[in-house]
N, C-alpha and C. Protein backbone atom coordinates (compact mmCIF):
# COMPACT_ATOMS: atom_id res chain seq x y z
N MET A 1 13.49 -28.54 -3.57
CA MET A 1 11.87 -29.06 -3.46
C MET A 1 12.18 -29.27 -4.86
N LEU A 2 11.61 -30.31 -4.69
CA LEU A 2 10.94 -31.73 -5.83
C LEU A 2 10.15 -31.20 -6.45
N LEU A 3 10.43 -31.38 -8.31
CA LEU A 3 8.90 -30.92 -8.24
C LEU A 3 8.18 -32.97 -9.74
N PRO A 4 7.66 -33.05 -9.07
CA PRO A 4 7.45 -34.10 -10.51
C PRO A 4 7.28 -33.57 -11.80
N LEU A 5 7.74 -34.85 -12.45
CA LEU A 5 8.72 -34.60 -14.19
C LEU A 5 7.49 -34.35 -14.63
N GLY A 6 7.46 -33.12 -14.97
CA GLY A 6 7.00 -31.95 -15.94
C GLY A 6 6.60 -30.89 -15.50
N CYS A 7 6.47 -30.96 -14.94
CA CYS A 7 5.75 -29.55 -14.09
C CYS A 7 6.65 -28.26 -13.73
N GLU A 8 6.58 -27.57 -14.03
CA GLU A 8 7.72 -26.05 -13.76
C GLU A 8 7.62 -25.38 -12.44
N ARG A 9 8.53 -25.14 -11.85
CA ARG A 9 9.20 -24.14 -10.69
C ARG A 9 7.73 -22.86 -10.99
N PRO A 10 7.43 -22.83 -9.63
CA PRO A 10 6.49 -21.24 -9.68
C PRO A 10 7.14 -20.11 -9.95
N ALA A 11 6.37 -19.38 -9.87
CA ALA A 11 7.34 -17.47 -10.78
C ALA A 11 7.22 -17.03 -9.01
N GLU A 12 8.80 -17.30 -8.55
CA GLU A 12 9.37 -15.99 -7.64
C GLU A 12 8.72 -15.09 -8.07
N VAL A 13 8.43 -15.04 -6.01
CA VAL A 13 7.25 -13.17 -6.86
C VAL A 13 8.41 -12.66 -5.89
N LYS A 14 8.99 -10.77 -7.14
CA LYS A 14 9.44 -10.09 -7.24
C LYS A 14 9.48 -9.59 -6.26
N LYS A 15 10.16 -9.30 -4.79
CA LYS A 15 10.80 -7.67 -3.26
C LYS A 15 9.74 -7.34 -4.14
N ALA A 16 9.86 -6.00 -3.36
CA ALA A 16 9.81 -4.07 -3.47
C ALA A 16 10.72 -3.78 -2.87
N ALA A 17 10.85 -3.31 -3.92
CA ALA A 17 12.68 -2.18 -3.96
C ALA A 17 12.75 -1.11 -4.71
N ILE A 18 12.77 0.47 -4.00
CA ILE A 18 12.62 1.91 -4.32
C ILE A 18 13.37 0.82 -5.27
N GLY A 19 12.84 2.09 -6.77
CA GLY A 19 13.35 2.82 -7.54
C GLY A 19 13.01 1.61 -9.26
N GLN A 20 12.22 0.18 -8.44
CA GLN A 20 11.93 -0.46 -9.26
C GLN A 20 10.49 -1.02 -9.63
N VAL A 21 9.54 -1.59 -10.84
CA VAL A 21 8.35 -1.26 -10.46
C VAL A 21 7.58 -2.11 -9.86
N ALA A 22 6.90 -1.13 -9.07
CA ALA A 22 6.33 -3.07 -7.38
C ALA A 22 5.81 -3.56 -8.02
N PRO A 23 5.98 -4.37 -7.03
CA PRO A 23 5.37 -6.30 -7.42
C PRO A 23 4.51 -5.41 -6.59
N GLU A 24 3.56 -6.81 -7.67
CA GLU A 24 2.45 -7.01 -7.80
C GLU A 24 1.84 -8.47 -7.43
N VAL A 25 0.98 -8.90 -6.41
CA VAL A 25 0.96 -10.17 -5.77
C VAL A 25 -0.88 -10.12 -5.43
N GLY A 26 -1.31 -11.44 -5.08
CA GLY A 26 -1.94 -11.45 -4.05
C GLY A 26 -3.38 -10.14 -5.11
N ASP A 27 -3.82 -9.87 -4.35
CA ASP A 27 -4.99 -8.96 -4.30
C ASP A 27 -4.72 -7.29 -5.00
N LEU A 28 -3.64 -7.77 -4.33
CA LEU A 28 -2.76 -6.46 -5.38
C LEU A 28 -2.26 -6.01 -6.52
N LYS A 29 -2.48 -5.62 -8.65
CA LYS A 29 -3.05 -5.51 -9.01
C LYS A 29 -2.55 -3.65 -8.94
N LEU A 30 -1.51 -3.03 -9.06
CA LEU A 30 -1.25 -1.65 -9.63
C LEU A 30 -1.32 -1.48 -11.50
N SER A 31 -1.14 -2.57 -12.01
CA SER A 31 -1.09 -2.51 -13.28
C SER A 31 -2.65 -1.64 -14.41
N GLY A 32 -3.62 -2.23 -12.72
CA GLY A 32 -5.17 -1.47 -13.20
C GLY A 32 -4.78 0.32 -13.22
N PHE A 33 -3.62 0.60 -12.27
CA PHE A 33 -3.69 2.06 -12.02
C PHE A 33 -2.93 3.00 -12.86
N ALA A 34 -2.36 2.73 -14.08
CA ALA A 34 -1.86 2.40 -15.07
C ALA A 34 -1.97 3.85 -15.50
N GLY A 35 -0.49 5.15 -15.58
CA GLY A 35 -0.71 6.53 -15.38
C GLY A 35 -1.10 7.01 -14.31
N GLN A 36 -1.38 6.50 -13.36
CA GLN A 36 -2.15 7.75 -12.21
C GLN A 36 -1.09 6.74 -10.76
N PRO A 37 -0.52 8.50 -10.03
CA PRO A 37 0.31 7.39 -8.65
C PRO A 37 -0.64 7.12 -7.38
N VAL A 38 -0.11 6.05 -6.80
CA VAL A 38 -0.79 5.08 -6.03
C VAL A 38 0.05 4.93 -4.33
N ILE A 39 -0.64 5.58 -3.77
CA ILE A 39 -0.60 4.89 -2.32
C ILE A 39 -0.76 3.68 -1.84
N VAL A 40 0.67 2.65 -1.63
CA VAL A 40 0.25 1.02 -0.95
C VAL A 40 0.24 1.85 0.49
N ASN A 41 -1.00 1.48 1.33
CA ASN A 41 -0.69 1.46 2.51
C ASN A 41 -0.99 0.55 3.29
N PHE A 42 -0.18 -0.12 4.43
CA PHE A 42 -0.32 -1.59 5.84
C PHE A 42 -1.26 -0.67 6.67
N TRP A 43 -1.91 -1.31 7.16
CA TRP A 43 -2.42 -0.78 8.33
C TRP A 43 -4.09 -1.97 8.97
N ALA A 44 -4.37 -1.57 9.98
CA ALA A 44 -4.73 -2.30 11.05
C ALA A 44 -6.15 -1.32 11.97
N SER A 45 -7.04 -2.03 12.28
CA SER A 45 -8.26 -1.41 12.79
C SER A 45 -7.33 -0.92 14.63
N TRP A 46 -6.52 -1.72 14.37
CA TRP A 46 -7.14 -1.46 16.27
C TRP A 46 -5.31 -0.85 16.16
N CYS A 47 -3.91 0.00 15.19
CA CYS A 47 -3.52 0.42 15.06
C CYS A 47 -3.74 1.66 15.70
N ILE A 48 -2.63 2.48 16.35
CA ILE A 48 -3.53 3.59 16.50
C ILE A 48 -2.43 4.43 15.87
N PRO A 49 -1.64 4.98 15.25
CA PRO A 49 -0.72 4.84 14.54
C PRO A 49 -1.85 5.46 13.44
N CYS A 50 -1.78 4.64 12.50
CA CYS A 50 -2.75 3.71 11.21
C CYS A 50 -3.99 5.04 11.24
N ARG A 51 -4.74 5.32 12.40
CA ARG A 51 -5.92 5.52 12.26
C ARG A 51 -6.03 6.86 12.77
N LYS A 52 -4.84 7.22 13.04
CA LYS A 52 -4.41 9.13 13.59
C LYS A 52 -3.88 9.55 11.47
N GLU A 53 -2.71 8.31 11.02
CA GLU A 53 -2.86 8.48 9.21
C GLU A 53 -4.36 8.21 8.96
N PHE A 54 -5.31 8.67 8.78
CA PHE A 54 -5.84 7.98 8.34
C PHE A 54 -6.92 9.24 7.48
N PRO A 55 -6.98 9.54 8.40
CA PRO A 55 -7.81 11.70 8.02
C PRO A 55 -6.91 12.15 6.48
N LEU A 56 -5.51 12.37 7.11
CA LEU A 56 -4.43 12.85 5.94
C LEU A 56 -4.65 12.03 4.34
N PHE A 57 -5.02 10.61 3.74
CA PHE A 57 -4.97 9.90 2.81
C PHE A 57 -6.67 9.77 2.52
N ALA A 58 -7.27 10.30 3.09
CA ALA A 58 -8.92 11.30 3.01
C ALA A 58 -9.06 12.21 2.29
N ASP A 59 -8.37 13.43 3.20
CA ASP A 59 -8.12 14.25 2.27
C ASP A 59 -6.94 14.63 0.82
N ALA A 60 -5.72 13.99 1.33
CA ALA A 60 -4.68 13.70 -0.57
C ALA A 60 -5.44 13.15 -1.06
N THR A 61 -6.70 12.92 -0.73
CA THR A 61 -7.54 11.55 -2.35
C THR A 61 -8.27 12.81 -2.66
N LEU A 62 -9.16 13.92 -1.88
CA LEU A 62 -9.75 15.12 -2.05
C LEU A 62 -8.93 16.17 -3.11
N LYS A 63 -7.84 16.29 -2.89
CA LYS A 63 -7.07 17.44 -3.65
C LYS A 63 -6.78 16.63 -4.52
N TYR A 64 -5.94 15.94 -4.47
CA TYR A 64 -5.74 15.12 -6.20
C TYR A 64 -6.09 14.00 -6.37
N PRO A 65 -7.22 14.52 -7.28
CA PRO A 65 -8.20 13.40 -7.66
C PRO A 65 -7.35 11.62 -8.69
N ASP A 66 -6.80 11.88 -8.98
CA ASP A 66 -5.97 10.78 -10.00
C ASP A 66 -5.35 9.91 -9.25
N LEU A 67 -4.78 10.57 -7.72
CA LEU A 67 -4.28 9.12 -6.48
C LEU A 67 -5.15 8.58 -6.32
N VAL A 68 -4.28 7.59 -6.05
CA VAL A 68 -4.92 5.74 -5.63
C VAL A 68 -4.02 5.72 -4.76
N VAL A 69 -5.37 5.55 -3.57
CA VAL A 69 -4.96 4.99 -2.24
C VAL A 69 -5.85 3.23 -2.08
N LEU A 70 -4.21 2.58 -2.00
CA LEU A 70 -4.66 0.84 -1.15
C LEU A 70 -4.37 0.74 0.03
N GLY A 71 -5.51 0.72 0.41
CA GLY A 71 -5.02 0.02 1.79
C GLY A 71 -5.04 -1.33 1.91
N VAL A 72 -4.18 -1.55 2.50
CA VAL A 72 -3.33 -3.46 2.45
C VAL A 72 -3.65 -3.38 4.16
N VAL A 73 -5.11 -4.47 4.35
CA VAL A 73 -5.07 -4.84 5.79
C VAL A 73 -4.15 -6.34 5.82
N PHE A 74 -3.58 -5.46 7.00
CA PHE A 74 -2.10 -6.35 7.55
C PHE A 74 -2.85 -6.76 9.38
N ASP A 75 -3.13 -7.86 9.01
CA ASP A 75 -3.25 -8.19 11.00
C ASP A 75 -4.55 -8.45 11.53
N ASP A 76 -5.23 -7.98 10.70
CA ASP A 76 -6.66 -7.54 10.75
C ASP A 76 -7.81 -8.65 10.47
N SER A 77 -9.11 -7.57 11.73
CA SER A 77 -10.01 -8.87 11.05
C SER A 77 -10.70 -8.20 9.68
N SER A 78 -11.26 -8.83 9.16
CA SER A 78 -12.25 -7.83 8.23
C SER A 78 -13.17 -7.00 8.00
N LYS A 79 -14.78 -7.95 9.32
CA LYS A 79 -15.08 -7.14 10.09
C LYS A 79 -15.07 -5.63 10.72
N ALA A 80 -13.64 -6.15 11.28
CA ALA A 80 -12.83 -4.66 12.28
C ALA A 80 -12.52 -3.58 10.95
N ALA A 81 -12.17 -4.09 9.92
CA ALA A 81 -11.12 -3.30 8.80
C ALA A 81 -12.32 -2.33 8.49
N GLU A 82 -13.02 -2.91 8.43
CA GLU A 82 -14.34 -2.74 7.21
C GLU A 82 -15.53 -2.29 8.55
N GLY A 83 -15.21 -1.96 9.23
CA GLY A 83 -16.09 -1.16 10.00
C GLY A 83 -15.43 -0.09 10.74
N PHE A 84 -14.11 0.30 10.26
CA PHE A 84 -13.08 0.89 10.59
C PHE A 84 -13.50 1.78 9.13
N MET A 85 -12.78 1.26 8.07
CA MET A 85 -13.35 2.33 7.20
C MET A 85 -14.73 3.33 6.80
N ARG A 86 -15.74 2.32 7.56
CA ARG A 86 -17.26 2.70 6.89
C ARG A 86 -17.46 3.23 8.30
N GLN A 87 -16.83 3.60 9.29
CA GLN A 87 -17.03 4.81 10.22
C GLN A 87 -16.05 6.19 9.84
N GLN A 88 -14.39 6.00 8.99
CA GLN A 88 -13.58 7.33 8.72
C GLN A 88 -14.22 8.22 7.35
N GLY A 89 -15.44 7.15 6.88
CA GLY A 89 -16.07 7.40 5.44
C GLY A 89 -14.72 7.47 4.12
N ALA A 90 -14.11 6.13 4.41
CA ALA A 90 -12.57 6.22 3.93
C ALA A 90 -13.28 5.82 2.53
N SER A 91 -13.06 5.93 1.06
CA SER A 91 -13.10 6.27 -0.14
C SER A 91 -12.43 4.62 -0.98
N TRP A 92 -11.38 4.73 -0.12
CA TRP A 92 -10.53 3.83 -0.21
C TRP A 92 -10.67 1.94 -1.27
N ARG A 93 -9.69 1.99 -1.86
CA ARG A 93 -10.24 0.74 -1.71
C ARG A 93 -9.13 -0.80 -0.38
N ALA A 94 -9.19 -1.27 0.56
CA ALA A 94 -9.45 -1.80 1.00
C ALA A 94 -8.89 -3.76 -0.04
N ILE A 95 -7.81 -4.12 1.28
CA ILE A 95 -7.66 -5.57 0.41
C ILE A 95 -7.34 -6.13 1.83
N ALA A 96 -7.32 -7.64 1.23
CA ALA A 96 -7.35 -8.29 1.58
C ALA A 96 -6.06 -8.98 2.34
N ASP A 97 -4.99 -8.97 3.41
CA ASP A 97 -3.82 -9.91 3.45
C ASP A 97 -3.20 -10.83 4.12
N ALA A 98 -4.39 -12.15 4.00
CA ALA A 98 -4.96 -12.88 4.97
C ALA A 98 -3.97 -13.60 5.49
N ASP A 99 -3.44 -14.43 4.41
CA ASP A 99 -1.97 -14.99 4.02
C ASP A 99 -1.22 -14.21 4.24
N GLY A 100 -1.16 -12.96 4.70
CA GLY A 100 0.80 -13.06 4.75
C GLY A 100 1.41 -11.92 3.50
N THR A 101 0.97 -12.65 2.41
CA THR A 101 1.76 -12.62 1.15
C THR A 101 2.16 -11.52 0.52
N ILE A 102 1.29 -10.73 0.34
CA ILE A 102 1.91 -9.11 0.48
C ILE A 102 2.65 -8.52 0.83
N ALA A 103 1.73 -8.27 2.13
CA ALA A 103 2.85 -7.75 3.51
C ALA A 103 4.71 -8.84 3.40
N LYS A 104 4.60 -9.67 3.55
CA LYS A 104 5.70 -10.22 2.67
C LYS A 104 7.14 -9.78 1.79
N THR A 105 6.03 -9.52 0.49
CA THR A 105 6.59 -9.36 -0.32
C THR A 105 6.96 -7.59 -0.29
N TYR A 106 6.55 -7.29 0.55
CA TYR A 106 6.61 -6.25 0.49
C TYR A 106 7.37 -5.30 1.77
N GLY A 107 8.16 -6.48 2.41
CA GLY A 107 9.15 -6.30 4.61
C GLY A 107 8.43 -5.66 5.02
N VAL A 108 6.78 -5.56 5.06
CA VAL A 108 5.78 -5.87 6.50
C VAL A 108 6.06 -7.42 7.11
N GLY A 109 6.82 -6.60 8.21
CA GLY A 109 6.27 -7.55 9.77
C GLY A 109 6.17 -6.65 11.59
N ARG A 110 6.88 -7.43 11.43
CA ARG A 110 7.11 -7.37 13.25
C ARG A 110 8.71 -7.39 13.43
N PRO A 111 9.29 -6.78 13.60
CA PRO A 111 9.11 -5.45 13.60
C PRO A 111 9.59 -4.70 12.06
N PRO A 112 9.39 -3.72 11.19
CA PRO A 112 9.63 -2.73 12.52
C PRO A 112 7.66 -2.77 11.94
N GLY A 113 6.40 -3.37 11.83
CA GLY A 113 5.32 -2.76 12.35
C GLY A 113 4.77 -2.38 10.81
N ILE A 114 3.94 -1.88 11.48
CA ILE A 114 2.57 -0.64 10.85
C ILE A 114 2.45 0.56 12.26
N PRO A 115 2.14 0.92 10.96
CA PRO A 115 1.44 1.88 9.18
C PRO A 115 2.96 2.01 8.67
N GLN A 116 3.08 1.61 7.58
CA GLN A 116 3.79 1.63 6.62
C GLN A 116 2.96 2.13 5.24
N SER A 117 3.88 2.92 4.24
CA SER A 117 3.37 3.31 2.95
C SER A 117 4.35 3.30 2.35
N PHE A 118 4.02 3.28 0.58
CA PHE A 118 4.58 2.84 0.13
C PHE A 118 3.68 3.63 -1.04
N PHE A 119 4.99 4.63 -1.57
CA PHE A 119 4.24 5.40 -2.59
C PHE A 119 4.64 5.50 -4.03
N VAL A 120 4.28 4.55 -5.31
CA VAL A 120 4.71 5.00 -7.13
C VAL A 120 4.09 5.69 -6.66
N ASP A 121 4.89 5.27 -8.56
CA ASP A 121 4.93 6.92 -9.12
C ASP A 121 3.54 6.23 -10.33
N SER A 122 3.12 7.26 -11.14
CA SER A 122 2.63 6.90 -12.60
C SER A 122 3.07 5.92 -12.74
N GLY A 123 4.53 5.74 -13.25
CA GLY A 123 4.47 4.92 -14.40
C GLY A 123 5.02 3.26 -13.37
N GLY A 124 4.45 3.48 -12.54
CA GLY A 124 4.27 1.95 -11.20
C GLY A 124 5.78 1.67 -10.53
N VAL A 125 6.45 2.28 -10.00
CA VAL A 125 8.10 2.17 -10.04
C VAL A 125 7.79 2.57 -8.58
N LEU A 126 8.21 2.34 -8.00
CA LEU A 126 8.60 2.67 -6.58
C LEU A 126 9.39 3.52 -5.79
N VAL A 127 8.51 4.57 -5.68
CA VAL A 127 10.03 5.21 -5.92
C VAL A 127 10.26 6.11 -3.73
N ALA A 128 8.83 5.45 -3.25
CA ALA A 128 9.31 5.95 -1.77
C ALA A 128 8.68 4.73 -0.31
N ARG A 129 9.41 4.94 0.53
CA ARG A 129 8.38 4.02 1.45
C ARG A 129 8.75 5.18 2.80
N ALA A 130 7.40 4.98 3.97
CA ALA A 130 7.25 5.66 5.25
C ALA A 130 7.08 4.48 6.05
N PHE A 131 7.98 4.69 7.22
CA PHE A 131 7.99 4.06 8.29
C PHE A 131 6.71 4.14 9.36
N GLY A 132 6.44 4.35 8.93
CA GLY A 132 5.52 4.94 11.19
C GLY A 132 4.51 5.37 10.50
N GLU A 133 3.96 6.82 11.54
CA GLU A 133 2.58 7.51 11.01
C GLU A 133 3.21 7.99 10.13
N LEU A 134 2.90 9.05 9.67
CA LEU A 134 2.31 9.59 8.33
C LEU A 134 2.14 10.97 8.82
N THR A 135 3.06 12.63 8.96
CA THR A 135 2.68 13.33 9.64
C THR A 135 1.72 14.01 8.05
N GLU A 136 1.17 15.13 8.03
CA GLU A 136 0.91 16.16 6.76
C GLU A 136 3.21 16.17 6.28
N ALA A 137 3.75 16.89 6.91
CA ALA A 137 5.05 16.81 6.00
C ALA A 137 5.22 15.36 5.08
N THR A 138 5.18 14.64 6.06
CA THR A 138 6.10 13.99 5.33
C THR A 138 4.83 13.26 4.24
N LEU A 139 3.06 13.21 4.73
CA LEU A 139 2.96 13.47 3.08
C LEU A 139 3.15 13.98 1.80
N ALA A 140 3.27 15.16 2.61
CA ALA A 140 3.42 15.98 1.75
C ALA A 140 4.60 15.82 0.57
N ALA A 141 5.84 16.00 1.41
CA ALA A 141 6.99 15.15 0.82
C ALA A 141 7.30 14.01 -0.22
N ASN A 142 6.77 13.34 0.26
CA ASN A 142 6.55 12.05 -0.56
C ASN A 142 5.17 11.81 -2.10
N LEU A 143 4.31 12.95 -1.47
CA LEU A 143 3.40 13.39 -2.41
C LEU A 143 4.27 13.76 -4.15
N ASN A 144 5.18 14.82 -3.72
CA ASN A 144 5.59 15.33 -4.25
C ASN A 144 7.21 14.73 -4.86
N LYS A 145 6.55 13.31 -4.91
CA LYS A 145 7.80 12.40 -5.64
C LYS A 145 6.97 11.02 -6.40
N ILE A 146 5.74 11.59 -6.45
CA ILE A 146 5.13 11.49 -6.89
C ILE A 146 4.19 11.46 -7.61
N ILE A 147 3.53 12.97 -7.31
CA ILE A 147 2.23 13.96 -8.01
C ILE A 147 3.04 14.25 -8.77
N PRO A 148 3.22 14.55 -10.27
CA PRO A 148 4.35 15.59 -11.30
C PRO A 148 3.38 16.78 -10.66
N LYS A 149 4.15 18.71 -10.96
CA LYS A 149 3.99 19.28 -10.48
C LYS A 149 2.94 19.94 -11.95
N LYS A 150 1.98 20.32 -11.13
CA LYS A 150 1.32 21.86 -12.31
C LYS A 150 2.53 22.84 -12.82
N THR A 151 2.52 23.34 -14.31
CA THR A 151 3.57 24.33 -14.62
C THR A 151 2.04 25.31 -15.06
């Protein structure tokens, strides 16, 4: 790519990788949740497995008040996504990814498809990735990786 004289090359967006700080891209700004565990969930209102796992996130946010769930809307209309969230009583933030930049950075596409969930510890490090619909057991196992045990 040729750039006019005096222009700087645009900053490369770092790809998401387990064991590394979770990248911030587009409207996905994890630094605002420093000190809190975060789940970044890629979903769509038309996705049946996504619909099935929504109640698990609602339960987790009640059980762990410091847990942040950020839903990245993948290949869906804002109207449909907002309607589904309202219908489910979801209290977490939905992030539009109209141009697919967030999904690309996190390696979400077709295949492997959605849902996909990324588990980020309170230090901002991506510690786990779950492909497909979460079960209570897989959610609990991944939450144990990001939520400190009470002693």
